[in-house]
Amino acid sequence: MIENCTMTSPPKFINHRIEEFAMQVTYSPEERTGTLVYNLSLIRSEDLEFAIKIFKDCYRAGISVSGLVRFLQPGLVVEDYQVPEGCIGIVSVCSSTLDGLLLRRGIPMNPIGGGIVEIDHRVPKRFIHMIMYEHTTIDPLQVLISQELTSVNAVMKRGSGKLLANIRECHMEAESLVGEVLDSLTGSDLSGILEVGMPNSPTLGVTVDPQYLGIVAVGGTNPMAAIREEGRWEVIRAMKGLMDAGEMTHIKEY
């Protein structure tokens, strides 16, 4: 007889986490109100001004999901997390928010994976690294940042390098609805679409299912990758939770 046997929850793979968060997104690009999926990162307090500059540079270069950001002082509590002493918390918009916008328009989507896209003279060429969401319980972009495979600063300075990005697929019958969602992002606080593929064709080298098309978006943690590339300490927790857009401020105001 086995004693002291305990039941534990099975591991939750990233594709399921994305779907759960996406179902709760209420953000409206036109009205600029509602809930967004956010990432929570930490930097040292003395690096705040440097981080603000990086976030501004990424926004101007079009390689961040959104200009919305929130900087948290030490001791401030967000949901169940308290920012440690000596640190600044950075809330940024996660690209899973896009998946939520698709679902709100009645567009079923399938999160495929996160990886690194090669950029050549500001043109996205192909994924050179990819981790499939259905096979990992850790956010792929966190893993890839830790492996120091990005060159986000090079993309900003010279137009060529390696960016964090992710891909999802939608059924080709929803192509016109997808276009409406992407059009709604024009002039809004959300951006960062790298590529929309053709139905039944690979998108930046990633195969999609038959009768589907791929949509590639920049990763919300690209600014943090750029900070790490400069040798600064950081900690990243992707897809930390949901936050009302009204609690965030545009980076242009800093």
C-alpha atoms as a PDB file:
ATOM      1  CA  MET A   1       0.000   0.000   0.000  1.00  0.00           C
ATOM      2  CA  ILE A   2       1.351   3.401  -0.962  1.00  0.00           C
ATOM      3  CA  GLU A   3       0.962   6.012   1.758  1.00  0.00           C
ATOM      4  CA  ASN A   4       1.206   9.803   1.685  1.00  0.00           C
ATOM      5  CA  CYS A   5       0.374   9.863  -2.012  1.00  0.00           C
ATOM      6  CA  THR A   6      -0.409  13.415  -3.165  1.00  0.00           C
ATOM      7  CA  MET A   7      -2.173  14.569  -6.291  1.00  0.00           C
ATOM      8  CA  THR A   8      -0.554  17.368  -8.230  1.00  0.00           C
ATOM      9  CA  SER A   9      -1.816  19.398 -11.163  1.00  0.00           C
ATOM     10  CA  PRO A  10      -0.469  18.330 -14.551  1.00  0.00           C
ATOM     11  CA  PRO A  11       1.966  20.727 -16.258  1.00  0.00           C
ATOM     12  CA  LYS A  12       0.305  23.474 -18.280  1.00  0.00           C
ATOM     13  CA  PHE A  13       1.817  23.936 -21.696  1.00  0.00           C
ATOM     14  CA  ILE A  14       2.272  27.424 -23.097  1.00  0.00           C
ATOM     15  CA  ASN A  15      -0.289  27.088 -25.884  1.00  0.00           C
ATOM     16  CA  HIS A  16      -2.973  26.473 -23.246  1.00  0.00           C
ATOM     17  CA  ARG A  17      -1.810  29.455 -21.168  1.00  0.00           C
ATOM     18  CA  ILE A  18      -1.975  31.689 -24.235  1.00  0.00           C
ATOM     19  CA  GLU A  19      -5.519  30.546 -24.969  1.00  0.00           C
ATOM     20  CA  GLU A  20      -6.610  31.122 -21.356  1.00  0.00           C
ATOM     21  CA  PHE A  21      -5.245  34.664 -21.289  1.00  0.00           C
ATOM     22  CA  ALA A  22      -6.491  35.460 -24.790  1.00  0.00           C
ATOM     23  CA  MET A  23     -10.040  34.547 -23.771  1.00  0.00           C
ATOM     24  CA  GLN A  24      -9.916  37.238 -21.071  1.00  0.00           C
ATOM     25  CA  VAL A  25      -8.629  40.111 -23.254  1.00  0.00           C
ATOM     26  CA  THR A  26     -11.170  42.928 -23.573  1.00  0.00           C
ATOM     27  CA  TYR A  27      -8.918  45.588 -25.107  1.00  0.00           C
ATOM     28  CA  SER A  28     -10.380  47.683 -27.933  1.00  0.00           C
ATOM     29  CA  PRO A  29      -7.715  49.252 -30.199  1.00  0.00           C
ATOM     30  CA  GLU A  30     -10.171  51.884 -31.432  1.00  0.00           C
ATOM     31  CA  GLU A  31     -11.231  52.981 -27.933  1.00  0.00           C
ATOM     32  CA  ARG A  32      -7.877  52.195 -26.298  1.00  0.00           C
ATOM     33  CA  THR A  33      -9.610  50.700 -23.285  1.00  0.00           C
ATOM     34  CA  GLY A  34      -9.889  47.235 -21.768  1.00  0.00           C
ATOM     35  CA  THR A  35      -7.610  44.534 -20.431  1.00  0.00           C
ATOM     36  CA  LEU A  36      -4.288  43.503 -21.954  1.00  0.00           C
ATOM     37  CA  VAL A  37      -1.969  40.572 -21.309  1.00  0.00           C
ATOM     38  CA  TYR A  38       1.230  41.851 -19.726  1.00  0.00           C
ATOM     39  CA  ASN A  39       4.815  40.775 -19.111  1.00  0.00           C
ATOM     40  CA  LEU A  40       6.538  41.683 -15.857  1.00  0.00           C
ATOM     41  CA  SER A  41      10.298  42.270 -15.828  1.00  0.00           C
ATOM     42  CA  LEU A  42      12.810  43.501 -13.275  1.00  0.00           C
ATOM     43  CA  ILE A  43      15.858  45.730 -13.653  1.00  0.00           C
ATOM     44  CA  ARG A  44      18.130  47.363 -11.118  1.00  0.00           C
ATOM     45  CA  SER A  45      16.877  50.737  -9.913  1.00  0.00           C
ATOM     46  CA  GLU A  46      19.950  52.535 -11.252  1.00  0.00           C
ATOM     47  CA  ASP A  47      19.156  51.281 -14.782  1.00  0.00           C
ATOM     48  CA  LEU A  48      15.751  52.955 -15.020  1.00  0.00           C
ATOM     49  CA  GLU A  49      16.756  55.821 -17.319  1.00  0.00           C
ATOM     50  CA  PHE A  50      18.684  53.418 -19.522  1.00  0.00           C
ATOM     51  CA  ALA A  51      15.627  51.140 -19.761  1.00  0.00           C
ATOM     52  CA  ILE A  52      13.361  54.052 -20.674  1.00  0.00           C
ATOM     53  CA  LYS A  53      15.713  54.934 -23.536  1.00  0.00           C
ATOM     54  CA  ILE A  54      15.710  51.338 -24.798  1.00  0.00           C
ATOM     55  CA  PHE A  55      11.920  51.159 -24.686  1.00  0.00           C
ATOM     56  CA  LYS A  56      11.684  54.424 -26.626  1.00  0.00           C
ATOM     57  CA  ASP A  57      14.175  53.180 -29.211  1.00  0.00           C
ATOM     58  CA  CYS A  58      12.289  49.897 -29.658  1.00  0.00           C
ATOM     59  CA  TYR A  59       8.997  51.724 -30.070  1.00  0.00           C
ATOM     60  CA  ARG A  60      10.415  54.100 -32.670  1.00  0.00           C
ATOM     61  CA  ALA A  61      11.946  51.160 -34.535  1.00  0.00           C
ATOM     62  CA  GLY A  62       8.598  49.349 -34.595  1.00  0.00           C
ATOM     63  CA  ILE A  63       9.890  46.257 -32.841  1.00  0.00           C
ATOM     64  CA  SER A  64       7.782  46.401 -29.696  1.00  0.00           C
ATOM     65  CA  VAL A  65       4.203  45.193 -29.324  1.00  0.00           C
ATOM     66  CA  SER A  66       3.053  48.479 -27.845  1.00  0.00           C
ATOM     67  CA  GLY A  67       4.221  51.812 -26.543  1.00  0.00           C
ATOM     68  CA  LEU A  68       2.217  51.222 -23.368  1.00  0.00           C
ATOM     69  CA  VAL A  69       4.380  50.557 -20.329  1.00  0.00           C
ATOM     70  CA  ARG A  70       4.330  50.912 -16.563  1.00  0.00           C
ATOM     71  CA  PHE A  71       7.322  51.299 -14.250  1.00  0.00           C
ATOM     72  CA  LEU A  72       6.869  49.988 -10.707  1.00  0.00           C
ATOM     73  CA  GLN A  73       8.786  51.279  -7.721  1.00  0.00           C
ATOM     74  CA  PRO A  74      10.302  48.930  -5.100  1.00  0.00           C
ATOM     75  CA  GLY A  75       7.713  47.544  -2.693  1.00  0.00           C
ATOM     76  CA  LEU A  76       4.753  48.023  -5.037  1.00  0.00           C
ATOM     77  CA  VAL A  77       2.530  44.958  -5.314  1.00  0.00           C
ATOM     78  CA  VAL A  78       0.976  43.819  -8.596  1.00  0.00           C
ATOM     79  CA  GLU A  79      -1.435  40.918  -8.182  1.00  0.00           C
ATOM     80  CA  ASP A  80       0.571  38.451  -6.060  1.00  0.00           C
ATOM     81  CA  TYR A  81       4.028  39.901  -6.725  1.00  0.00           C
ATOM     82  CA  GLN A  82       5.955  42.560  -4.797  1.00  0.00           C
ATOM     83  CA  VAL A  83       8.790  44.408  -6.515  1.00  0.00           C
ATOM     84  CA  PRO A  84      11.977  43.737  -4.481  1.00  0.00           C
ATOM     85  CA  GLU A  85      14.060  46.501  -2.938  1.00  0.00           C
ATOM     86  CA  GLY A  86      16.725  47.829  -5.275  1.00  0.00           C
ATOM     87  CA  CYS A  87      14.675  46.906  -8.320  1.00  0.00           C
ATOM     88  CA  ILE A  88      12.234  48.507 -10.733  1.00  0.00           C
ATOM     89  CA  GLY A  89       9.397  46.468 -12.175  1.00  0.00           C
ATOM     90  CA  ILE A  90       8.517  46.967 -15.829  1.00  0.00           C
ATOM     91  CA  VAL A  91       5.067  46.079 -17.102  1.00  0.00           C
ATOM     92  CA  SER A  92       4.944  45.728 -20.898  1.00  0.00           C
ATOM     93  CA  VAL A  93       2.287  44.459 -23.291  1.00  0.00           C
ATOM     94  CA  CYS A  94       2.509  40.792 -24.268  1.00  0.00           C
ATOM     95  CA  SER A  95       1.845  39.828 -27.874  1.00  0.00           C
ATOM     96  CA  SER A  96      -0.751  37.320 -26.621  1.00  0.00           C
ATOM     97  CA  THR A  97      -3.009  40.367 -26.536  1.00  0.00           C
ATOM     98  CA  LEU A  98      -3.186  40.045 -30.338  1.00  0.00           C
ATOM     99  CA  ASP A  99      -4.530  36.504 -29.934  1.00  0.00           C
ATOM    100  CA  GLY A 100      -7.217  37.933 -27.682  1.00  0.00           C
ATOM    101  CA  LEU A 101      -8.204  40.487 -30.335  1.00  0.00           C
ATOM    102  CA  LEU A 102      -8.543  37.697 -32.886  1.00  0.00           C
ATOM    103  CA  LEU A 103     -10.766  35.665 -30.582  1.00  0.00           C
ATOM    104  CA  ARG A 104     -12.958  38.682 -29.796  1.00  0.00           C
ATOM    105  CA  ARG A 105     -13.655  39.045 -33.521  1.00  0.00           C
ATOM    106  CA  GLY A 106     -14.685  35.392 -33.680  1.00  0.00           C
ATOM    107  CA  ILE A 107     -11.456  34.193 -35.303  1.00  0.00           C
ATOM    108  CA  PRO A 108     -10.245  30.850 -33.918  1.00  0.00           C
ATOM    109  CA  MET A 109      -6.473  30.831 -33.702  1.00  0.00           C
ATOM    110  CA  ASN A 110      -3.835  28.252 -32.919  1.00  0.00           C
ATOM    111  CA  PRO A 111      -0.654  29.468 -31.173  1.00  0.00           C
ATOM    112  CA  ILE A 112       2.273  27.707 -32.886  1.00  0.00           C
ATOM    113  CA  GLY A 113       5.472  28.855 -31.227  1.00  0.00           C
ATOM    114  CA  GLY A 114       7.972  31.525 -30.335  1.00  0.00           C
ATOM    115  CA  GLY A 115      11.401  32.022 -31.823  1.00  0.00           C
ATOM    116  CA  ILE A 116      13.968  34.296 -33.376  1.00  0.00           C
ATOM    117  CA  VAL A 117      13.489  35.944 -36.757  1.00  0.00           C
ATOM    118  CA  GLU A 118      16.389  37.043 -38.935  1.00  0.00           C
ATOM    119  CA  ILE A 119      15.994  40.644 -40.125  1.00  0.00           C
ATOM    120  CA  ASP A 120      17.928  41.849 -43.170  1.00  0.00           C
ATOM    121  CA  HIS A 121      17.772  45.547 -44.038  1.00  0.00           C
ATOM    122  CA  ARG A 122      14.528  45.842 -42.037  1.00  0.00           C
ATOM    123  CA  VAL A 123      12.892  42.960 -43.919  1.00  0.00           C
ATOM    124  CA  PRO A 124      11.956  39.820 -41.934  1.00  0.00           C
ATOM    125  CA  LYS A 125      13.486  36.792 -43.673  1.00  0.00           C
ATOM    126  CA  ARG A 126      12.853  33.630 -41.670  1.00  0.00           C
ATOM    127  CA  PHE A 127      12.717  32.022 -38.260  1.00  0.00           C
ATOM    128  CA  ILE A 128      16.153  30.670 -37.410  1.00  0.00           C
ATOM    129  CA  HIS A 129      15.158  29.273 -33.980  1.00  0.00           C
ATOM    130  CA  MET A 130      11.751  28.038 -32.872  1.00  0.00           C
ATOM    131  CA  ILE A 131      10.236  26.436 -29.765  1.00  0.00           C
ATOM    132  CA  MET A 132       6.745  25.036 -30.210  1.00  0.00           C
ATOM    133  CA  TYR A 133       4.238  26.135 -27.577  1.00  0.00           C
ATOM    134  CA  GLU A 134       2.621  22.709 -27.310  1.00  0.00           C
ATOM    135  CA  HIS A 135       5.927  21.179 -26.198  1.00  0.00           C
ATOM    136  CA  THR A 136       7.022  23.607 -23.473  1.00  0.00           C
ATOM    137  CA  THR A 137       5.767  24.857 -20.124  1.00  0.00           C
ATOM    138  CA  ILE A 138       8.240  27.765 -20.164  1.00  0.00           C
ATOM    139  CA  ASP A 139       7.762  30.772 -22.416  1.00  0.00           C
ATOM    140  CA  PRO A 140      10.028  30.238 -25.453  1.00  0.00           C
ATOM    141  CA  LEU A 141      11.141  33.857 -25.618  1.00  0.00           C
ATOM    142  CA  GLN A 142      12.372  33.741 -22.017  1.00  0.00           C
ATOM    143  CA  VAL A 143      14.442  30.699 -22.928  1.00  0.00           C
ATOM    144  CA  LEU A 144      15.866  32.270 -26.085  1.00  0.00           C
ATOM    145  CA  ILE A 145      16.788  35.520 -24.303  1.00  0.00           C
ATOM    146  CA  SER A 146      18.695  33.507 -21.698  1.00  0.00           C
ATOM    147  CA  GLN A 147      20.679  31.853 -24.501  1.00  0.00           C
ATOM    148  CA  GLU A 148      21.853  35.262 -25.751  1.00  0.00           C
ATOM    149  CA  LEU A 149      20.757  34.578 -29.324  1.00  0.00           C
ATOM    150  CA  THR A 150      19.222  37.972 -30.087  1.00  0.00           C
ATOM    151  CA  SER A 151      20.697  41.114 -31.630  1.00  0.00           C
ATOM    152  CA  VAL A 152      17.846  43.563 -31.096  1.00  0.00           C
ATOM    153  CA  ASN A 153      20.176  46.554 -30.785  1.00  0.00           C
ATOM    154  CA  ALA A 154      21.712  45.734 -34.164  1.00  0.00           C
ATOM    155  CA  VAL A 155      18.249  45.765 -35.746  1.00  0.00           C
ATOM    156  CA  MET A 156      17.592  49.203 -34.260  1.00  0.00           C
ATOM    157  CA  LYS A 157      20.961  50.641 -35.265  1.00  0.00           C
ATOM    158  CA  ARG A 158      21.646  48.980 -38.627  1.00  0.00           C
ATOM    159  CA  GLY A 159      18.361  47.396 -39.697  1.00  0.00           C
ATOM    160  CA  SER A 160      19.754  43.856 -39.650  1.00  0.00           C
ATOM    161  CA  GLY A 161      19.892  41.357 -36.803  1.00  0.00           C
ATOM    162  CA  LYS A 162      17.771  38.903 -34.843  1.00  0.00           C
ATOM    163  CA  LEU A 163      14.441  39.669 -33.155  1.00  0.00           C
ATOM    164  CA  LEU A 164      12.154  37.746 -30.845  1.00  0.00           C
ATOM    165  CA  ALA A 165       8.854  36.880 -32.510  1.00  0.00           C
ATOM    166  CA  ASN A 166       5.979  34.436 -32.344  1.00  0.00           C
ATOM    167  CA  ILE A 167       3.562  32.856 -34.788  1.00  0.00           C
ATOM    168  CA  ARG A 168      -0.035  31.747 -34.689  1.00  0.00           C
ATOM    169  CA  GLU A 169      -2.271  30.350 -37.442  1.00  0.00           C
ATOM    170  CA  CYS A 170      -5.857  31.187 -38.420  1.00  0.00           C
ATOM    171  CA  HIS A 171      -8.161  29.455 -40.884  1.00  0.00           C
ATOM    172  CA  MET A 172      -8.044  30.897 -44.395  1.00  0.00           C
ATOM    173  CA  GLU A 173     -11.823  31.451 -44.339  1.00  0.00           C
ATOM    174  CA  ALA A 174     -11.215  34.116 -41.693  1.00  0.00           C
ATOM    175  CA  GLU A 175      -8.668  36.004 -43.826  1.00  0.00           C
ATOM    176  CA  SER A 176     -10.930  39.044 -44.327  1.00  0.00           C
ATOM    177  CA  LEU A 177     -11.702  39.195 -40.591  1.00  0.00           C
ATOM    178  CA  VAL A 178      -7.981  38.969 -39.816  1.00  0.00           C
ATOM    179  CA  GLY A 179      -7.460  41.939 -42.130  1.00  0.00           C
ATOM    180  CA  GLU A 180     -10.082  43.910 -40.206  1.00  0.00           C
ATOM    181  CA  VAL A 181      -8.362  43.179 -36.895  1.00  0.00           C
ATOM    182  CA  LEU A 182      -4.976  44.253 -38.251  1.00  0.00           C
ATOM    183  CA  ASP A 183      -6.496  47.390 -39.783  1.00  0.00           C
ATOM    184  CA  SER A 184      -7.925  48.287 -36.367  1.00  0.00           C
ATOM    185  CA  LEU A 185      -4.365  48.436 -35.015  1.00  0.00           C
ATOM    186  CA  THR A 186      -3.503  51.362 -37.307  1.00  0.00           C
ATOM    187  CA  GLY A 187      -3.040  54.424 -35.146  1.00  0.00           C
ATOM    188  CA  SER A 188      -3.673  52.439 -31.956  1.00  0.00           C
ATOM    189  CA  ASP A 189      -1.345  51.627 -29.064  1.00  0.00           C
ATOM    190  CA  LEU A 190      -0.707  48.135 -30.457  1.00  0.00           C
ATOM    191  CA  SER A 191       1.542  47.237 -33.371  1.00  0.00           C
ATOM    192  CA  GLY A 192       4.374  44.855 -34.174  1.00  0.00           C
ATOM    193  CA  ILE A 193       2.978  42.647 -36.957  1.00  0.00           C
ATOM    194  CA  LEU A 194       5.967  41.304 -38.890  1.00  0.00           C
ATOM    195  CA  GLU A 195       4.317  39.112 -41.502  1.00  0.00           C
ATOM    196  CA  VAL A 196       0.972  37.713 -42.612  1.00  0.00           C
ATOM    197  CA  GLY A 197       1.428  34.608 -44.718  1.00  0.00           C
ATOM    198  CA  MET A 198      -0.479  33.211 -47.654  1.00  0.00           C
ATOM    199  CA  PRO A 199      -2.920  30.341 -47.041  1.00  0.00           C
ATOM    200  CA  ASN A 200      -1.366  26.870 -47.302  1.00  0.00           C
ATOM    201  CA  SER A 201       2.155  28.353 -47.417  1.00  0.00           C
ATOM    202  CA  PRO A 202       4.960  28.509 -44.842  1.00  0.00           C
ATOM    203  CA  THR A 203       5.248  31.853 -43.065  1.00  0.00           C
ATOM    204  CA  LEU A 204       8.857  32.974 -42.561  1.00  0.00           C
ATOM    205  CA  GLY A 205       9.836  29.329 -42.978  1.00  0.00           C
ATOM    206  CA  VAL A 206       7.323  27.896 -40.488  1.00  0.00           C
ATOM    207  CA  THR A 207       4.793  25.417 -41.873  1.00  0.00           C
ATOM    208  CA  VAL A 208       1.113  26.033 -41.132  1.00  0.00           C
ATOM    209  CA  ASP A 209      -1.707  23.501 -41.320  1.00  0.00           C
ATOM    210  CA  PRO A 210      -3.583  23.026 -44.606  1.00  0.00           C
ATOM    211  CA  GLN A 211      -6.157  25.779 -45.219  1.00  0.00           C
ATOM    212  CA  TYR A 212      -4.510  27.997 -42.603  1.00  0.00           C
ATOM    213  CA  LEU A 213      -2.388  31.149 -42.781  1.00  0.00           C
ATOM    214  CA  GLY A 214       0.313  32.304 -40.387  1.00  0.00           C
ATOM    215  CA  ILE A 215       0.556  35.619 -38.544  1.00  0.00           C
ATOM    216  CA  VAL A 216       3.926  36.629 -37.097  1.00  0.00           C
ATOM    217  CA  ALA A 217       4.197  39.310 -34.408  1.00  0.00           C
ATOM    218  CA  VAL A 218       7.222  40.724 -32.620  1.00  0.00           C
ATOM    219  CA  GLY A 219       7.778  39.489 -29.088  1.00  0.00           C
ATOM    220  CA  GLY A 220       6.771  41.770 -26.248  1.00  0.00           C
ATOM    221  CA  THR A 221      10.104  41.133 -24.521  1.00  0.00           C
ATOM    222  CA  ASN A 222      12.315  42.541 -27.307  1.00  0.00           C
ATOM    223  CA  PRO A 223      13.125  45.666 -25.236  1.00  0.00           C
ATOM    224  CA  MET A 224      14.251  43.447 -22.357  1.00  0.00           C
ATOM    225  CA  ALA A 225      16.424  41.421 -24.735  1.00  0.00           C
ATOM    226  CA  ALA A 226      18.029  44.690 -25.871  1.00  0.00           C
ATOM    227  CA  ILE A 227      18.706  45.614 -22.239  1.00  0.00           C
ATOM    228  CA  ARG A 228      20.329  42.229 -21.615  1.00  0.00           C
ATOM    229  CA  GLU A 229      22.470  42.589 -24.741  1.00  0.00           C
ATOM    230  CA  GLU A 230      24.001  45.705 -23.170  1.00  0.00           C
ATOM    231  CA  GLY A 231      25.145  43.701 -20.162  1.00  0.00           C
ATOM    232  CA  ARG A 232      22.483  44.936 -17.750  1.00  0.00           C
ATOM    233  CA  TRP A 233      20.839  42.645 -15.192  1.00  0.00           C
ATOM    234  CA  GLU A 234      17.204  41.726 -15.817  1.00  0.00           C
ATOM    235  CA  VAL A 235      14.596  39.128 -14.928  1.00  0.00           C
ATOM    236  CA  ILE A 236      11.625  38.394 -17.181  1.00  0.00           C
ATOM    237  CA  ARG A 237       8.265  36.796 -16.431  1.00  0.00           C
ATOM    238  CA  ALA A 238       6.309  36.601 -19.670  1.00  0.00           C
ATOM    239  CA  MET A 239       2.501  36.405 -19.650  1.00  0.00           C
ATOM    240  CA  LYS A 240       2.347  37.385 -15.980  1.00  0.00           C
ATOM    241  CA  GLY A 241      -1.310  38.395 -16.007  1.00  0.00           C
ATOM    242  CA  LEU A 242      -3.961  40.843 -17.160  1.00  0.00           C
ATOM    243  CA  MET A 243      -4.009  44.607 -16.641  1.00  0.00           C
ATOM    244  CA  ASP A 244      -6.311  47.436 -17.636  1.00  0.00           C
ATOM    245  CA  ALA A 245      -4.756  49.622 -20.331  1.00  0.00           C
ATOM    246  CA  GLY A 246      -5.674  52.679 -18.247  1.00  0.00           C
ATOM    247  CA  GLU A 247      -3.066  51.674 -15.666  1.00  0.00           C
ATOM    248  CA  MET A 248      -0.293  52.002 -18.244  1.00  0.00           C
ATOM    249  CA  THR A 249       1.333  55.072 -19.819  1.00  0.00           C
ATOM    250  CA  HIS A 250       2.746  55.551 -23.289  1.00  0.00           C
ATOM    251  CA  ILE A 251       6.539  55.476 -23.381  1.00  0.00           C
ATOM    252  CA  LYS A 252       6.540  58.785 -25.284  1.00  0.00           C
ATOM    253  CA  GLU A 253       5.421  60.498 -22.074  1.00  0.00           C
ATOM    254  CA  TYR A 254       8.607  59.573 -20.198  1.00  0.00           C
END
